[in-house]
Each structure stands twice: as structure tokens, then as C-alpha cells.
Amino acid sequence: MEIKRSAKNAAIQENDKEAQEMNGQIQIAVDQLNVVVKQMKLAANSLNQSQNTHASLFFSNNR
């Protein structure tokens, strides 16, 4: 009976360790995605600024 309990506890500990590792990997993926989102927002803002600059130059030259 004690051997079964010990094996069961070892299996539970192994499952907990795997779950913790998976949770860590998921957290890393979330962090990486957050960085990508920030980069995309910066790129979009930069593109908007560039388009606004070109538009204002175009309209100021055509008056």
C-alpha cells in the first residue's frame, strides 16, 4: 500500500513540475506577443506620422 502511495505522489509531483514548466513557457509566449503588439503599434504610429507629413507637404505645395 505504501509503495502505491509513494508512486502516486511521485507521479503527482512530476505532473506538477510539467505543469509549472508549461505555465512558464506560456508566460514567455505571452510576453513575446506583448512585445510584438507594442512593436506593431509603434510601426503603425510611425506610418501614420509619415503619411500625415507627406499629405501636408503635398497639400501645401499644391496651393
N, C-alpha and C. Protein backbone atom coordinates (compact mmCIF):
# COMPACT_ATOMS: atom_id res chain seq x y z
N MET A 1 0.82 -1.19 0.00
CA MET A 1 0.00 0.00 0.00
C MET A 1 0.87 1.26 0.00
N GLU A 2 1.92 1.26 0.80
CA GLU A 2 2.82 2.41 0.90
C GLU A 2 3.55 2.64 -0.43
N ILE A 3 3.90 1.57 -1.13
CA ILE A 3 4.58 1.71 -2.42
C ILE A 3 3.67 2.39 -3.44
N LYS A 4 2.38 2.00 -3.46
CA LYS A 4 1.44 2.62 -4.38
C LYS A 4 1.29 4.10 -4.07
N ARG A 5 1.22 4.43 -2.80
CA ARG A 5 1.06 5.81 -2.39
C ARG A 5 2.29 6.63 -2.78
N SER A 6 3.45 6.04 -2.58
CA SER A 6 4.69 6.72 -2.93
C SER A 6 4.78 6.94 -4.45
N ALA A 7 4.41 5.95 -5.25
CA ALA A 7 4.42 6.07 -6.70
C ALA A 7 3.41 7.12 -7.15
N LYS A 8 2.26 7.13 -6.50
CA LYS A 8 1.23 8.11 -6.84
C LYS A 8 1.72 9.52 -6.53
N ASN A 9 2.36 9.71 -5.39
CA ASN A 9 2.90 11.02 -5.02
C ASN A 9 3.98 11.45 -6.01
N ALA A 10 4.82 10.51 -6.43
CA ALA A 10 5.87 10.83 -7.41
C ALA A 10 5.24 11.27 -8.74
N ALA A 11 4.18 10.59 -9.14
CA ALA A 11 3.50 10.94 -10.39
C ALA A 11 2.87 12.33 -10.28
N ILE A 12 2.28 12.61 -9.13
CA ILE A 12 1.67 13.93 -8.92
C ILE A 12 2.73 15.02 -8.97
N GLN A 13 3.87 14.77 -8.33
CA GLN A 13 4.95 15.76 -8.33
C GLN A 13 5.47 15.98 -9.75
N GLU A 14 5.57 14.91 -10.51
CA GLU A 14 6.04 15.03 -11.89
C GLU A 14 5.04 15.84 -12.72
N ASN A 15 3.75 15.57 -12.52
CA ASN A 15 2.72 16.33 -13.24
C ASN A 15 2.77 17.81 -12.85
N ASP A 16 2.99 18.09 -11.57
CA ASP A 16 3.09 19.47 -11.12
C ASP A 16 4.29 20.16 -11.76
N LYS A 17 5.40 19.44 -11.83
CA LYS A 17 6.61 20.01 -12.44
C LYS A 17 6.37 20.31 -13.91
N GLU A 18 5.73 19.38 -14.62
CA GLU A 18 5.43 19.60 -16.04
C GLU A 18 4.46 20.76 -16.22
N ALA A 19 3.48 20.87 -15.34
CA ALA A 19 2.52 21.97 -15.42
C ALA A 19 3.21 23.31 -15.17
N GLN A 20 4.14 23.35 -14.23
CA GLN A 20 4.87 24.58 -13.96
C GLN A 20 5.74 24.97 -15.14
N GLU A 21 6.39 23.99 -15.76
CA GLU A 21 7.22 24.27 -16.94
C GLU A 21 6.36 24.79 -18.09
N MET A 22 5.20 24.17 -18.29
CA MET A 22 4.30 24.60 -19.35
C MET A 22 3.78 26.01 -19.06
N ASN A 23 3.45 26.26 -17.82
CA ASN A 23 2.98 27.59 -17.43
C ASN A 23 4.06 28.64 -17.70
N GLY A 24 5.30 28.31 -17.41
CA GLY A 24 6.41 29.22 -17.69
C GLY A 24 6.55 29.49 -19.17
N GLN A 25 6.42 28.44 -19.98
CA GLN A 25 6.52 28.60 -21.43
C GLN A 25 5.39 29.46 -21.97
N ILE A 26 4.20 29.27 -21.42
CA ILE A 26 3.06 30.08 -21.84
C ILE A 26 3.30 31.54 -21.48
N GLN A 27 3.82 31.79 -20.29
CA GLN A 27 4.09 33.16 -19.86
C GLN A 27 5.12 33.83 -20.77
N ILE A 28 6.14 33.08 -21.16
CA ILE A 28 7.14 33.61 -22.09
C ILE A 28 6.49 33.96 -23.43
N ALA A 29 5.62 33.08 -23.92
CA ALA A 29 4.94 33.34 -25.19
C ALA A 29 4.06 34.59 -25.09
N VAL A 30 3.38 34.75 -23.97
CA VAL A 30 2.53 35.93 -23.76
C VAL A 30 3.39 37.19 -23.76
N ASP A 31 4.51 37.14 -23.06
CA ASP A 31 5.41 38.30 -23.02
C ASP A 31 5.92 38.65 -24.42
N GLN A 32 6.27 37.62 -25.19
CA GLN A 32 6.77 37.86 -26.55
C GLN A 32 5.68 38.46 -27.43
N LEU A 33 4.45 37.97 -27.28
CA LEU A 33 3.35 38.53 -28.06
C LEU A 33 3.07 39.98 -27.68
N ASN A 34 3.20 40.30 -26.40
CA ASN A 34 3.02 41.68 -25.96
C ASN A 34 4.06 42.59 -26.59
N VAL A 35 5.28 42.11 -26.71
CA VAL A 35 6.34 42.89 -27.37
C VAL A 35 6.00 43.11 -28.84
N VAL A 36 5.51 42.07 -29.50
CA VAL A 36 5.14 42.19 -30.92
C VAL A 36 4.02 43.21 -31.09
N VAL A 37 3.03 43.17 -30.19
CA VAL A 37 1.92 44.12 -30.27
C VAL A 37 2.44 45.55 -30.10
N LYS A 38 3.34 45.76 -29.14
CA LYS A 38 3.92 47.09 -28.94
C LYS A 38 4.66 47.55 -30.19
N GLN A 39 5.43 46.65 -30.79
CA GLN A 39 6.18 47.00 -31.99
C GLN A 39 5.24 47.35 -33.14
N MET A 40 4.15 46.61 -33.27
CA MET A 40 3.19 46.88 -34.33
C MET A 40 2.52 48.24 -34.11
N LYS A 41 2.22 48.57 -32.86
CA LYS A 41 1.63 49.87 -32.56
C LYS A 41 2.60 51.00 -32.90
N LEU A 42 3.87 50.81 -32.55
CA LEU A 42 4.88 51.81 -32.88
C LEU A 42 5.02 51.97 -34.39
N ALA A 43 5.01 50.86 -35.09
CA ALA A 43 5.12 50.91 -36.56
C ALA A 43 3.90 51.61 -37.16
N ALA A 44 2.72 51.34 -36.64
CA ALA A 44 1.50 51.98 -37.15
C ALA A 44 1.54 53.48 -36.89
N ASN A 45 1.97 53.87 -35.69
CA ASN A 45 2.08 55.29 -35.38
C ASN A 45 3.09 55.99 -36.29
N SER A 46 4.21 55.32 -36.51
CA SER A 46 5.24 55.89 -37.39
C SER A 46 4.70 56.05 -38.81
N LEU A 47 3.98 55.05 -39.28
CA LEU A 47 3.41 55.11 -40.62
C LEU A 47 2.39 56.24 -40.71
N ASN A 48 1.56 56.38 -39.68
CA ASN A 48 0.57 57.48 -39.68
C ASN A 48 1.26 58.83 -39.71
N GLN A 49 2.30 58.99 -38.93
CA GLN A 49 3.03 60.26 -38.91
C GLN A 49 3.65 60.54 -40.28
N SER A 50 4.21 59.51 -40.87
CA SER A 50 4.83 59.66 -42.19
C SER A 50 3.79 60.06 -43.23
N GLN A 51 2.63 59.40 -43.21
CA GLN A 51 1.57 59.72 -44.16
C GLN A 51 1.05 61.14 -43.94
N ASN A 52 0.91 61.53 -42.68
CA ASN A 52 0.44 62.88 -42.39
C ASN A 52 1.43 63.93 -42.87
N THR A 53 2.71 63.64 -42.70
CA THR A 53 3.75 64.57 -43.17
C THR A 53 3.71 64.70 -44.69
N HIS A 54 3.61 63.56 -45.37
CA HIS A 54 3.56 63.59 -46.84
C HIS A 54 2.29 64.30 -47.32
N ALA A 55 1.19 64.07 -46.65
CA ALA A 55 -0.07 64.70 -47.05
C ALA A 55 0.02 66.21 -46.86
N SER A 56 0.56 66.64 -45.75
CA SER A 56 0.65 68.10 -45.50
C SER A 56 1.61 68.74 -46.49
N LEU A 57 2.69 68.06 -46.84
CA LEU A 57 3.62 68.61 -47.84
C LEU A 57 2.96 68.68 -49.21
N PHE A 58 2.19 67.65 -49.54
CA PHE A 58 1.53 67.60 -50.84
C PHE A 58 0.53 68.75 -50.95
N PHE A 59 -0.30 68.94 -49.92
CA PHE A 59 -1.33 69.97 -50.00
C PHE A 59 -0.72 71.37 -49.90
N SER A 60 0.35 71.51 -49.16
CA SER A 60 0.97 72.86 -49.06
C SER A 60 1.65 73.24 -50.38
N ASN A 61 2.15 72.28 -51.13
CA ASN A 61 2.80 72.55 -52.41
C ASN A 61 1.81 72.77 -53.54
N ASN A 62 0.57 72.35 -53.37
CA ASN A 62 -0.43 72.46 -54.43
C ASN A 62 -1.39 73.63 -54.20
N ARG A 63 -1.01 74.59 -53.44
CA ARG A 63 -1.88 75.76 -53.21
C ARG A 63 -1.57 76.85 -54.19
